[in-house]
Amino acid sequence: MKVIPFVADEPHYLRLPKNKMGLFVSNEEKIYAYLNYLETYKEKTKSEFIASTSKDSISSSADSSYVSKPKFERKTQFHTIKSGESLGKIADKYNVSISELKKWNSIKGNNIQAGKKLKIYSDKKIIAKTESKANNDGTYTVKSGDSLFSISKQFPGVSIDDIKKWNDISGDNIQPGMKLKING
């Protein structure tokens, strides 16, 4: 239970101030029930989760009235941090906690840098968004942060010069909201 130190086959003691003993004794069952509740529903790490599901499966074979939880293991994924992302957004995206992200990636504090990769153990599969690709009519709508280089990289076989030629662009300046022809 990790609340009162315990060693099997040895007596263990709980020391309380005299004025709190009566309160503790009258609420002892509720206190232990609450601690069991907290232990059951607290956030678990990957290894704790796997161990608890294994234990539940073992105990279910011994006690047929107990229904075991399904066992699953989280998959390892990697996420490249994009500019403007926070640990909170990334944690929500993968359905994990911020503290887990920090622990898995040895992050102290809340600062992260764009471009770095984060290791994530999650059962939620993230599918890359394809909204940045060309529309069915062969056009691409420029978004904030796009450059001719980044747009050309999204379309294999398309160069910066191709985009400039197809759209009569002389410099490198593009603006969010512009519609660019991609297929010539």
N, C-alpha and C. Protein backbone atom coordinates (compact mmCIF):
# COMPACT_ATOMS: atom_id res chain seq x y z
N MET A 1 0.82 -1.19 0.00
CA MET A 1 0.00 0.00 0.00
C MET A 1 0.87 1.25 0.00
N LYS A 2 2.10 1.16 0.37
CA LYS A 2 3.07 2.25 0.30
C LYS A 2 2.73 3.45 1.19
N VAL A 3 1.79 3.29 2.11
CA VAL A 3 1.45 4.40 2.99
C VAL A 3 2.11 4.18 4.35
N ILE A 4 1.93 2.97 4.90
CA ILE A 4 2.56 2.59 6.16
C ILE A 4 3.63 1.55 5.80
N PRO A 5 4.86 1.76 6.19
CA PRO A 5 5.89 0.76 5.88
C PRO A 5 5.46 -0.61 6.39
N PHE A 6 5.68 -1.64 5.59
CA PHE A 6 5.19 -2.95 5.93
C PHE A 6 6.23 -4.00 5.55
N VAL A 7 6.50 -4.91 6.49
CA VAL A 7 7.34 -6.06 6.24
C VAL A 7 6.55 -7.27 6.67
N ALA A 8 6.45 -8.27 5.81
CA ALA A 8 5.65 -9.45 6.12
C ALA A 8 6.15 -10.12 7.40
N ASP A 9 5.23 -10.64 8.18
CA ASP A 9 5.51 -11.37 9.42
C ASP A 9 6.19 -10.53 10.49
N GLU A 10 6.15 -9.24 10.38
CA GLU A 10 6.68 -8.36 11.43
C GLU A 10 5.61 -7.34 11.77
N PRO A 11 5.52 -6.97 13.06
CA PRO A 11 4.52 -5.95 13.42
C PRO A 11 4.89 -4.60 12.81
N HIS A 12 3.90 -3.82 12.46
CA HIS A 12 4.14 -2.48 11.94
C HIS A 12 3.25 -1.50 12.70
N TYR A 13 3.72 -0.29 12.85
CA TYR A 13 3.06 0.68 13.71
C TYR A 13 2.80 1.97 12.96
N LEU A 14 1.71 2.59 13.35
CA LEU A 14 1.36 3.90 12.83
C LEU A 14 1.32 4.85 14.02
N ARG A 15 2.12 5.88 14.00
CA ARG A 15 2.16 6.83 15.11
C ARG A 15 1.34 8.06 14.74
N LEU A 16 0.41 8.38 15.61
CA LEU A 16 -0.46 9.53 15.39
C LEU A 16 -0.47 10.40 16.64
N PRO A 17 -0.71 11.69 16.50
CA PRO A 17 -0.90 12.53 17.68
C PRO A 17 -2.15 12.06 18.44
N LYS A 18 -2.15 12.20 19.76
CA LYS A 18 -3.26 11.72 20.59
C LYS A 18 -4.60 12.29 20.14
N ASN A 19 -4.61 13.57 19.76
CA ASN A 19 -5.88 14.19 19.40
C ASN A 19 -6.39 13.73 18.03
N LYS A 20 -5.61 12.95 17.26
CA LYS A 20 -6.04 12.47 15.94
C LYS A 20 -6.35 10.97 15.94
N MET A 21 -6.03 10.26 17.03
CA MET A 21 -6.22 8.81 17.08
C MET A 21 -7.70 8.44 16.93
N GLY A 22 -8.58 9.10 17.65
CA GLY A 22 -10.01 8.79 17.56
C GLY A 22 -10.55 9.01 16.17
N LEU A 23 -10.15 10.09 15.55
CA LEU A 23 -10.57 10.40 14.18
C LEU A 23 -10.10 9.32 13.21
N PHE A 24 -8.86 8.89 13.37
CA PHE A 24 -8.32 7.84 12.49
C PHE A 24 -9.07 6.53 12.69
N VAL A 25 -9.26 6.10 13.93
CA VAL A 25 -9.91 4.82 14.22
C VAL A 25 -11.35 4.81 13.69
N SER A 26 -12.06 5.91 13.85
CA SER A 26 -13.45 5.96 13.39
C SER A 26 -13.55 5.98 11.86
N ASN A 27 -12.51 6.41 11.18
CA ASN A 27 -12.54 6.50 9.71
C ASN A 27 -11.56 5.54 9.04
N GLU A 28 -11.03 4.59 9.76
CA GLU A 28 -9.97 3.73 9.23
C GLU A 28 -10.39 2.99 7.97
N GLU A 29 -11.58 2.38 7.97
CA GLU A 29 -12.04 1.65 6.79
C GLU A 29 -12.17 2.58 5.59
N LYS A 30 -12.70 3.77 5.81
CA LYS A 30 -12.87 4.73 4.72
C LYS A 30 -11.51 5.18 4.18
N ILE A 31 -10.55 5.36 5.07
CA ILE A 31 -9.21 5.79 4.65
C ILE A 31 -8.57 4.74 3.76
N TYR A 32 -8.62 3.48 4.19
CA TYR A 32 -8.01 2.42 3.39
C TYR A 32 -8.78 2.20 2.08
N ALA A 33 -10.10 2.33 2.12
CA ALA A 33 -10.88 2.21 0.89
C ALA A 33 -10.50 3.32 -0.09
N TYR A 34 -10.32 4.53 0.43
CA TYR A 34 -9.94 5.65 -0.43
C TYR A 34 -8.54 5.44 -1.01
N LEU A 35 -7.62 4.94 -0.19
CA LEU A 35 -6.27 4.66 -0.70
C LEU A 35 -6.30 3.59 -1.78
N ASN A 36 -7.12 2.56 -1.62
CA ASN A 36 -7.26 1.55 -2.67
C ASN A 36 -7.84 2.16 -3.94
N TYR A 37 -8.82 3.04 -3.77
CA TYR A 37 -9.41 3.73 -4.91
C TYR A 37 -8.34 4.55 -5.66
N LEU A 38 -7.56 5.31 -4.91
CA LEU A 38 -6.50 6.12 -5.52
C LEU A 38 -5.49 5.24 -6.23
N GLU A 39 -5.11 4.15 -5.63
CA GLU A 39 -4.13 3.23 -6.22
C GLU A 39 -4.66 2.63 -7.52
N THR A 40 -5.96 2.35 -7.56
CA THR A 40 -6.58 1.75 -8.75
C THR A 40 -6.65 2.74 -9.91
N TYR A 41 -6.98 4.00 -9.60
CA TYR A 41 -7.23 4.97 -10.66
C TYR A 41 -6.13 5.97 -10.90
N LYS A 42 -5.00 5.83 -10.22
CA LYS A 42 -3.92 6.79 -10.45
C LYS A 42 -3.28 6.54 -11.81
N GLU A 43 -2.60 7.54 -12.29
CA GLU A 43 -1.91 7.46 -13.56
C GLU A 43 -0.76 6.47 -13.42
N LYS A 44 -0.69 5.51 -14.33
CA LYS A 44 0.35 4.48 -14.23
C LYS A 44 1.35 4.64 -15.36
N THR A 45 2.59 4.27 -15.06
CA THR A 45 3.61 4.26 -16.09
C THR A 45 3.42 3.00 -16.92
N LYS A 46 4.12 2.91 -18.02
CA LYS A 46 4.00 1.76 -18.90
C LYS A 46 4.29 0.46 -18.16
N SER A 47 5.40 0.41 -17.42
CA SER A 47 5.77 -0.82 -16.73
C SER A 47 4.78 -1.16 -15.63
N GLU A 48 4.27 -0.15 -14.90
CA GLU A 48 3.27 -0.41 -13.87
C GLU A 48 1.98 -0.94 -14.49
N PHE A 49 1.60 -0.37 -15.64
CA PHE A 49 0.38 -0.79 -16.30
C PHE A 49 0.48 -2.23 -16.76
N ILE A 50 1.60 -2.59 -17.39
CA ILE A 50 1.78 -3.95 -17.88
C ILE A 50 1.81 -4.93 -16.70
N ALA A 51 2.50 -4.55 -15.63
CA ALA A 51 2.56 -5.43 -14.45
C ALA A 51 1.18 -5.61 -13.83
N SER A 52 0.40 -4.53 -13.73
CA SER A 52 -0.92 -4.65 -13.11
C SER A 52 -1.87 -5.47 -13.98
N THR A 53 -1.79 -5.34 -15.31
CA THR A 53 -2.67 -6.14 -16.16
C THR A 53 -2.25 -7.60 -16.12
N SER A 54 -0.96 -7.87 -16.00
CA SER A 54 -0.49 -9.25 -15.89
C SER A 54 -0.98 -9.85 -14.57
N LYS A 55 -0.88 -9.08 -13.48
CA LYS A 55 -1.33 -9.53 -12.17
C LYS A 55 -2.83 -9.81 -12.20
N ASP A 56 -3.59 -8.92 -12.87
CA ASP A 56 -5.04 -9.11 -12.95
C ASP A 56 -5.36 -10.39 -13.70
N SER A 57 -4.62 -10.69 -14.75
CA SER A 57 -4.86 -11.90 -15.52
C SER A 57 -4.56 -13.13 -14.69
N ILE A 58 -3.48 -13.07 -13.90
CA ILE A 58 -3.11 -14.20 -13.05
C ILE A 58 -4.16 -14.41 -11.97
N SER A 59 -4.59 -13.33 -11.31
CA SER A 59 -5.57 -13.47 -10.25
C SER A 59 -6.92 -13.91 -10.79
N SER A 60 -7.22 -13.62 -12.03
CA SER A 60 -8.51 -14.02 -12.57
C SER A 60 -8.59 -15.53 -12.76
N SER A 61 -7.45 -16.17 -13.02
CA SER A 61 -7.49 -17.61 -13.15
C SER A 61 -7.68 -18.27 -11.80
N ALA A 62 -7.21 -17.63 -10.73
CA ALA A 62 -7.36 -18.19 -9.39
C ALA A 62 -8.75 -17.92 -8.84
N ASP A 63 -9.33 -16.78 -9.17
CA ASP A 63 -10.65 -16.40 -8.66
C ASP A 63 -11.58 -16.19 -9.84
N SER A 64 -12.46 -17.13 -10.10
CA SER A 64 -13.29 -17.08 -11.30
C SER A 64 -14.34 -15.98 -11.24
N SER A 65 -14.60 -15.41 -10.06
CA SER A 65 -15.59 -14.35 -9.96
C SER A 65 -15.01 -12.99 -10.38
N TYR A 66 -13.69 -12.92 -10.53
CA TYR A 66 -13.04 -11.67 -10.89
C TYR A 66 -12.89 -11.60 -12.41
N VAL A 67 -13.28 -10.51 -13.01
CA VAL A 67 -13.15 -10.33 -14.45
C VAL A 67 -11.90 -9.52 -14.72
N SER A 68 -11.00 -10.06 -15.52
CA SER A 68 -9.73 -9.37 -15.76
C SER A 68 -9.90 -8.29 -16.81
N LYS A 69 -9.03 -7.30 -16.73
CA LYS A 69 -9.01 -6.22 -17.72
C LYS A 69 -8.28 -6.72 -18.95
N PRO A 70 -8.60 -6.22 -20.14
CA PRO A 70 -7.86 -6.64 -21.32
C PRO A 70 -6.42 -6.15 -21.23
N LYS A 71 -5.51 -6.99 -21.70
CA LYS A 71 -4.09 -6.63 -21.63
C LYS A 71 -3.66 -6.05 -22.96
N PHE A 72 -3.00 -4.90 -22.92
CA PHE A 72 -2.42 -4.36 -24.13
C PHE A 72 -1.15 -3.62 -23.75
N GLU A 73 -0.28 -3.52 -24.71
CA GLU A 73 0.97 -2.80 -24.49
C GLU A 73 1.01 -1.63 -25.44
N ARG A 74 1.45 -0.50 -24.95
CA ARG A 74 1.52 0.69 -25.79
C ARG A 74 2.65 0.55 -26.80
N LYS A 75 2.43 1.08 -27.98
CA LYS A 75 3.42 1.06 -29.04
C LYS A 75 4.34 2.27 -28.92
N THR A 76 5.59 2.10 -29.31
CA THR A 76 6.54 3.21 -29.31
C THR A 76 6.38 3.98 -30.60
N GLN A 77 6.20 5.28 -30.48
CA GLN A 77 6.10 6.16 -31.65
C GLN A 77 7.06 7.32 -31.43
N PHE A 78 7.37 8.01 -32.50
CA PHE A 78 8.22 9.19 -32.41
C PHE A 78 7.46 10.36 -33.00
N HIS A 79 7.58 11.51 -32.34
CA HIS A 79 6.91 12.72 -32.79
C HIS A 79 7.96 13.81 -32.96
N THR A 80 7.98 14.44 -34.11
CA THR A 80 8.88 15.57 -34.34
C THR A 80 8.15 16.84 -33.93
N ILE A 81 8.75 17.57 -33.02
CA ILE A 81 8.13 18.78 -32.48
C ILE A 81 8.09 19.86 -33.56
N LYS A 82 6.91 20.43 -33.76
CA LYS A 82 6.74 21.51 -34.73
C LYS A 82 6.73 22.84 -33.98
N SER A 83 7.05 23.89 -34.69
CA SER A 83 7.05 25.22 -34.10
C SER A 83 5.66 25.54 -33.55
N GLY A 84 5.62 26.05 -32.33
CA GLY A 84 4.35 26.42 -31.71
C GLY A 84 3.71 25.31 -30.90
N GLU A 85 4.22 24.09 -30.97
CA GLU A 85 3.65 22.99 -30.20
C GLU A 85 4.13 23.05 -28.75
N SER A 86 3.31 22.56 -27.86
CA SER A 86 3.67 22.48 -26.45
C SER A 86 3.54 21.04 -25.99
N LEU A 87 4.10 20.75 -24.83
CA LEU A 87 3.98 19.40 -24.29
C LEU A 87 2.52 19.02 -24.09
N GLY A 88 1.71 19.98 -23.69
CA GLY A 88 0.28 19.72 -23.48
C GLY A 88 -0.43 19.31 -24.76
N LYS A 89 -0.16 20.02 -25.86
CA LYS A 89 -0.79 19.69 -27.14
C LYS A 89 -0.36 18.30 -27.61
N ILE A 90 0.93 18.02 -27.46
CA ILE A 90 1.45 16.72 -27.90
C ILE A 90 0.87 15.60 -27.03
N ALA A 91 0.80 15.83 -25.72
CA ALA A 91 0.24 14.82 -24.81
C ALA A 91 -1.22 14.55 -25.17
N ASP A 92 -2.01 15.59 -25.44
CA ASP A 92 -3.41 15.41 -25.82
C ASP A 92 -3.52 14.64 -27.14
N LYS A 93 -2.66 14.95 -28.07
CA LYS A 93 -2.69 14.32 -29.38
C LYS A 93 -2.50 12.81 -29.28
N TYR A 94 -1.63 12.38 -28.38
CA TYR A 94 -1.31 10.95 -28.25
C TYR A 94 -2.01 10.30 -27.05
N ASN A 95 -2.87 11.04 -26.36
CA ASN A 95 -3.62 10.52 -25.22
C ASN A 95 -2.70 10.00 -24.11
N VAL A 96 -1.68 10.79 -23.79
CA VAL A 96 -0.75 10.48 -22.69
C VAL A 96 -0.66 11.72 -21.80
N SER A 97 0.01 11.58 -20.68
CA SER A 97 0.14 12.74 -19.78
C SER A 97 1.45 13.48 -20.05
N ILE A 98 1.49 14.73 -19.64
CA ILE A 98 2.70 15.53 -19.78
C ILE A 98 3.83 14.93 -18.96
N SER A 99 3.51 14.44 -17.76
CA SER A 99 4.56 13.85 -16.92
C SER A 99 5.17 12.61 -17.57
N GLU A 100 4.35 11.84 -18.28
CA GLU A 100 4.89 10.67 -18.99
C GLU A 100 5.83 11.12 -20.11
N LEU A 101 5.42 12.13 -20.88
CA LEU A 101 6.28 12.66 -21.95
C LEU A 101 7.63 13.10 -21.39
N LYS A 102 7.58 13.81 -20.27
CA LYS A 102 8.81 14.30 -19.65
C LYS A 102 9.69 13.15 -19.20
N LYS A 103 9.09 12.14 -18.60
CA LYS A 103 9.87 11.01 -18.10
C LYS A 103 10.47 10.21 -19.25
N TRP A 104 9.69 9.90 -20.27
CA TRP A 104 10.17 9.10 -21.40
C TRP A 104 11.30 9.78 -22.14
N ASN A 105 11.31 11.12 -22.14
CA ASN A 105 12.29 11.86 -22.93
C ASN A 105 13.29 12.63 -22.07
N SER A 106 13.32 12.36 -20.78
CA SER A 106 14.24 13.02 -19.84
C SER A 106 14.19 14.54 -19.97
N ILE A 107 12.98 15.09 -19.95
CA ILE A 107 12.79 16.53 -20.07
C ILE A 107 12.61 17.11 -18.68
N LYS A 108 13.42 18.11 -18.37
CA LYS A 108 13.26 18.84 -17.12
C LYS A 108 12.67 20.19 -17.48
N GLY A 109 11.64 20.60 -16.79
CA GLY A 109 11.00 21.86 -17.11
C GLY A 109 9.96 21.66 -18.20
N ASN A 110 9.55 22.77 -18.83
CA ASN A 110 8.50 22.71 -19.85
C ASN A 110 8.96 23.17 -21.23
N ASN A 111 10.25 23.47 -21.37
CA ASN A 111 10.74 23.98 -22.64
C ASN A 111 11.10 22.84 -23.59
N ILE A 112 10.58 22.93 -24.83
CA ILE A 112 10.92 21.98 -25.88
C ILE A 112 11.31 22.77 -27.11
N GLN A 113 12.09 22.14 -27.99
CA GLN A 113 12.57 22.83 -29.18
C GLN A 113 12.01 22.19 -30.44
N ALA A 114 11.57 23.04 -31.37
CA ALA A 114 11.05 22.55 -32.64
C ALA A 114 12.15 21.77 -33.36
N GLY A 115 11.75 20.68 -34.00
CA GLY A 115 12.69 19.86 -34.75
C GLY A 115 13.18 18.64 -34.00
N LYS A 116 13.11 18.67 -32.66
CA LYS A 116 13.56 17.51 -31.87
C LYS A 116 12.50 16.42 -31.92
N LYS A 117 12.95 15.18 -31.73
CA LYS A 117 12.03 14.04 -31.72
C LYS A 117 11.73 13.62 -30.30
N LEU A 118 10.46 13.31 -30.04
CA LEU A 118 10.04 12.81 -28.74
C LEU A 118 9.64 11.35 -28.88
N LYS A 119 10.05 10.53 -27.91
CA LYS A 119 9.63 9.14 -27.85
C LYS A 119 8.30 9.11 -27.11
N ILE A 120 7.33 8.40 -27.68
CA ILE A 120 5.99 8.35 -27.10
C ILE A 120 5.51 6.91 -27.08
N TYR A 121 5.07 6.44 -25.92
CA TYR A 121 4.45 5.13 -25.79
C TYR A 121 2.95 5.35 -25.75
N SER A 122 2.27 5.03 -26.84
CA SER A 122 0.84 5.30 -26.91
C SER A 122 0.14 4.22 -27.71
N ASP A 123 -1.10 3.92 -27.33
CA ASP A 123 -1.89 2.98 -28.10
C ASP A 123 -2.69 3.71 -29.19
N LYS A 124 -2.62 5.03 -29.20
CA LYS A 124 -3.36 5.84 -30.17
C LYS A 124 -2.47 6.06 -31.39
N LYS A 125 -2.92 5.62 -32.56
CA LYS A 125 -2.16 5.77 -33.79
C LYS A 125 -2.49 7.11 -34.41
N ILE A 126 -1.48 7.88 -34.71
CA ILE A 126 -1.67 9.20 -35.30
C ILE A 126 -1.39 9.10 -36.80
N ILE A 127 -2.35 9.51 -37.59
CA ILE A 127 -2.19 9.49 -39.04
C ILE A 127 -1.86 10.90 -39.50
N ALA A 128 -0.83 11.01 -40.30
CA ALA A 128 -0.40 12.33 -40.76
C ALA A 128 -1.50 12.98 -41.58
N LYS A 129 -1.70 14.26 -41.35
CA LYS A 129 -2.72 14.99 -42.10
C LYS A 129 -2.23 15.23 -43.53
N THR A 130 -3.14 15.06 -44.48
CA THR A 130 -2.77 15.26 -45.88
C THR A 130 -3.43 16.50 -46.46
N GLU A 131 -3.97 17.36 -45.59
CA GLU A 131 -4.68 18.54 -46.07
C GLU A 131 -3.77 19.51 -46.80
N SER A 132 -2.45 19.40 -46.61
CA SER A 132 -1.54 20.35 -47.24
C SER A 132 -1.26 19.98 -48.70
N LYS A 133 -1.66 18.81 -49.12
CA LYS A 133 -1.44 18.41 -50.51
C LYS A 133 -2.36 19.21 -51.43
N ALA A 134 -2.11 19.07 -52.73
CA ALA A 134 -2.90 19.80 -53.71
C ALA A 134 -4.35 19.37 -53.68
N ASN A 135 -5.25 20.32 -53.93
CA ASN A 135 -6.67 20.01 -54.04
C ASN A 135 -6.90 19.20 -55.31
N ASN A 136 -8.12 18.70 -55.47
CA ASN A 136 -8.44 17.91 -56.66
C ASN A 136 -8.29 18.71 -57.94
N ASP A 137 -8.39 20.03 -57.87
CA ASP A 137 -8.26 20.87 -59.07
C ASP A 137 -6.81 21.22 -59.37
N GLY A 138 -5.85 20.63 -58.67
CA GLY A 138 -4.44 20.86 -58.95
C GLY A 138 -3.89 22.15 -58.37
N THR A 139 -4.56 22.69 -57.36
CA THR A 139 -4.06 23.91 -56.72
C THR A 139 -3.68 23.62 -55.27
N TYR A 140 -2.85 24.49 -54.72
CA TYR A 140 -2.43 24.39 -53.33
C TYR A 140 -2.66 25.75 -52.69
N THR A 141 -3.29 25.78 -51.53
CA THR A 141 -3.51 27.03 -50.80
C THR A 141 -2.38 27.22 -49.81
N VAL A 142 -1.67 28.34 -49.94
CA VAL A 142 -0.52 28.64 -49.09
C VAL A 142 -1.00 28.92 -47.66
N LYS A 143 -0.29 28.30 -46.71
CA LYS A 143 -0.60 28.52 -45.29
C LYS A 143 0.52 29.33 -44.66
N SER A 144 0.23 29.87 -43.48
CA SER A 144 1.24 30.63 -42.75
C SER A 144 2.45 29.74 -42.47
N GLY A 145 3.63 30.24 -42.73
CA GLY A 145 4.85 29.48 -42.49
C GLY A 145 5.34 28.72 -43.71
N ASP A 146 4.53 28.64 -44.77
CA ASP A 146 4.95 27.94 -46.00
C ASP A 146 5.98 28.76 -46.76
N SER A 147 6.85 28.06 -47.45
CA SER A 147 7.78 28.69 -48.38
C SER A 147 7.73 27.90 -49.67
N LEU A 148 8.29 28.46 -50.73
CA LEU A 148 8.32 27.72 -51.99
C LEU A 148 9.07 26.40 -51.81
N PHE A 149 10.12 26.42 -51.00
CA PHE A 149 10.90 25.21 -50.75
C PHE A 149 10.05 24.16 -50.04
N SER A 150 9.35 24.57 -48.96
CA SER A 150 8.55 23.59 -48.20
C SER A 150 7.40 23.04 -49.04
N ILE A 151 6.83 23.88 -49.90
CA ILE A 151 5.75 23.41 -50.76
C ILE A 151 6.28 22.43 -51.79
N SER A 152 7.44 22.74 -52.39
CA SER A 152 8.00 21.84 -53.40
C SER A 152 8.35 20.48 -52.81
N LYS A 153 8.75 20.44 -51.54
CA LYS A 153 9.10 19.17 -50.89
C LYS A 153 7.87 18.28 -50.66
N GLN A 154 6.68 18.90 -50.62
CA GLN A 154 5.46 18.12 -50.40
C GLN A 154 5.01 17.38 -51.65
N PHE A 155 5.56 17.80 -52.81
CA PHE A 155 5.13 17.20 -54.06
C PHE A 155 6.35 16.65 -54.79
N PRO A 156 6.53 15.32 -54.78
CA PRO A 156 7.69 14.72 -55.44
C PRO A 156 7.75 15.11 -56.92
N GLY A 157 8.94 15.46 -57.37
CA GLY A 157 9.14 15.82 -58.77
C GLY A 157 8.81 17.28 -59.09
N VAL A 158 8.39 18.05 -58.12
CA VAL A 158 8.06 19.46 -58.34
C VAL A 158 9.17 20.31 -57.73
N SER A 159 9.74 21.19 -58.54
CA SER A 159 10.81 22.05 -58.05
C SER A 159 10.27 23.45 -57.77
N ILE A 160 11.10 24.26 -57.11
CA ILE A 160 10.74 25.65 -56.84
C ILE A 160 10.54 26.39 -58.15
N ASP A 161 11.43 26.14 -59.11
CA ASP A 161 11.32 26.80 -60.42
C ASP A 161 10.03 26.43 -61.13
N ASP A 162 9.59 25.15 -60.98
CA ASP A 162 8.31 24.74 -61.59
C ASP A 162 7.16 25.56 -61.02
N ILE A 163 7.12 25.68 -59.68
CA ILE A 163 6.04 26.44 -59.04
C ILE A 163 6.07 27.89 -59.49
N LYS A 164 7.27 28.49 -59.57
CA LYS A 164 7.39 29.88 -60.01
C LYS A 164 6.89 30.04 -61.45
N LYS A 165 7.28 29.11 -62.33
CA LYS A 165 6.91 29.18 -63.74
C LYS A 165 5.40 29.00 -63.92
N TRP A 166 4.81 28.00 -63.25
CA TRP A 166 3.38 27.73 -63.39
C TRP A 166 2.51 28.85 -62.85
N ASN A 167 3.04 29.63 -61.89
CA ASN A 167 2.23 30.65 -61.22
C ASN A 167 2.70 32.08 -61.51
N ASP A 168 3.62 32.25 -62.49
CA ASP A 168 4.14 33.57 -62.86
C ASP A 168 4.65 34.34 -61.64
N ILE A 169 5.47 33.67 -60.81
CA ILE A 169 6.07 34.31 -59.64
C ILE A 169 7.52 34.62 -59.99
N SER A 170 7.94 35.88 -59.78
CA SER A 170 9.32 36.25 -60.12
C SER A 170 10.25 36.14 -58.92
N GLY A 171 9.80 36.51 -57.73
CA GLY A 171 10.65 36.44 -56.53
C GLY A 171 10.33 35.19 -55.72
N ASP A 172 10.63 35.26 -54.43
CA ASP A 172 10.34 34.14 -53.53
C ASP A 172 9.17 34.45 -52.61
N ASN A 173 8.51 35.59 -52.81
CA ASN A 173 7.46 36.01 -51.89
C ASN A 173 6.13 35.35 -52.22
N ILE A 174 5.59 34.65 -51.23
CA ILE A 174 4.24 34.10 -51.31
C ILE A 174 3.52 34.49 -50.02
N GLN A 175 2.20 34.57 -50.09
CA GLN A 175 1.41 35.01 -48.95
C GLN A 175 0.40 33.93 -48.57
N PRO A 176 0.10 33.80 -47.27
CA PRO A 176 -0.94 32.85 -46.87
C PRO A 176 -2.24 33.17 -47.58
N GLY A 177 -2.91 32.10 -48.03
CA GLY A 177 -4.18 32.27 -48.74
C GLY A 177 -4.03 32.23 -50.25
N MET A 178 -2.80 32.43 -50.76
CA MET A 178 -2.58 32.37 -52.22
C MET A 178 -2.89 30.97 -52.73
N LYS A 179 -3.46 30.91 -53.95
CA LYS A 179 -3.70 29.62 -54.59
C LYS A 179 -2.61 29.43 -55.64
N LEU A 180 -1.86 28.35 -55.51
CA LEU A 180 -0.78 28.05 -56.44
C LEU A 180 -1.14 26.83 -57.30
N LYS A 181 -0.86 26.92 -58.59
CA LYS A 181 -1.02 25.77 -59.47
C LYS A 181 0.14 24.82 -59.20
N ILE A 182 -0.15 23.56 -59.07
CA ILE A 182 0.91 22.60 -58.76
C ILE A 182 1.20 21.67 -59.94
N ASN A 183 0.22 21.34 -60.75
CA ASN A 183 0.47 20.38 -61.83
C ASN A 183 0.72 21.00 -63.19
N GLY A 184 0.99 22.28 -63.24
CA GLY A 184 1.32 22.94 -64.51
C GLY A 184 0.11 23.29 -65.26
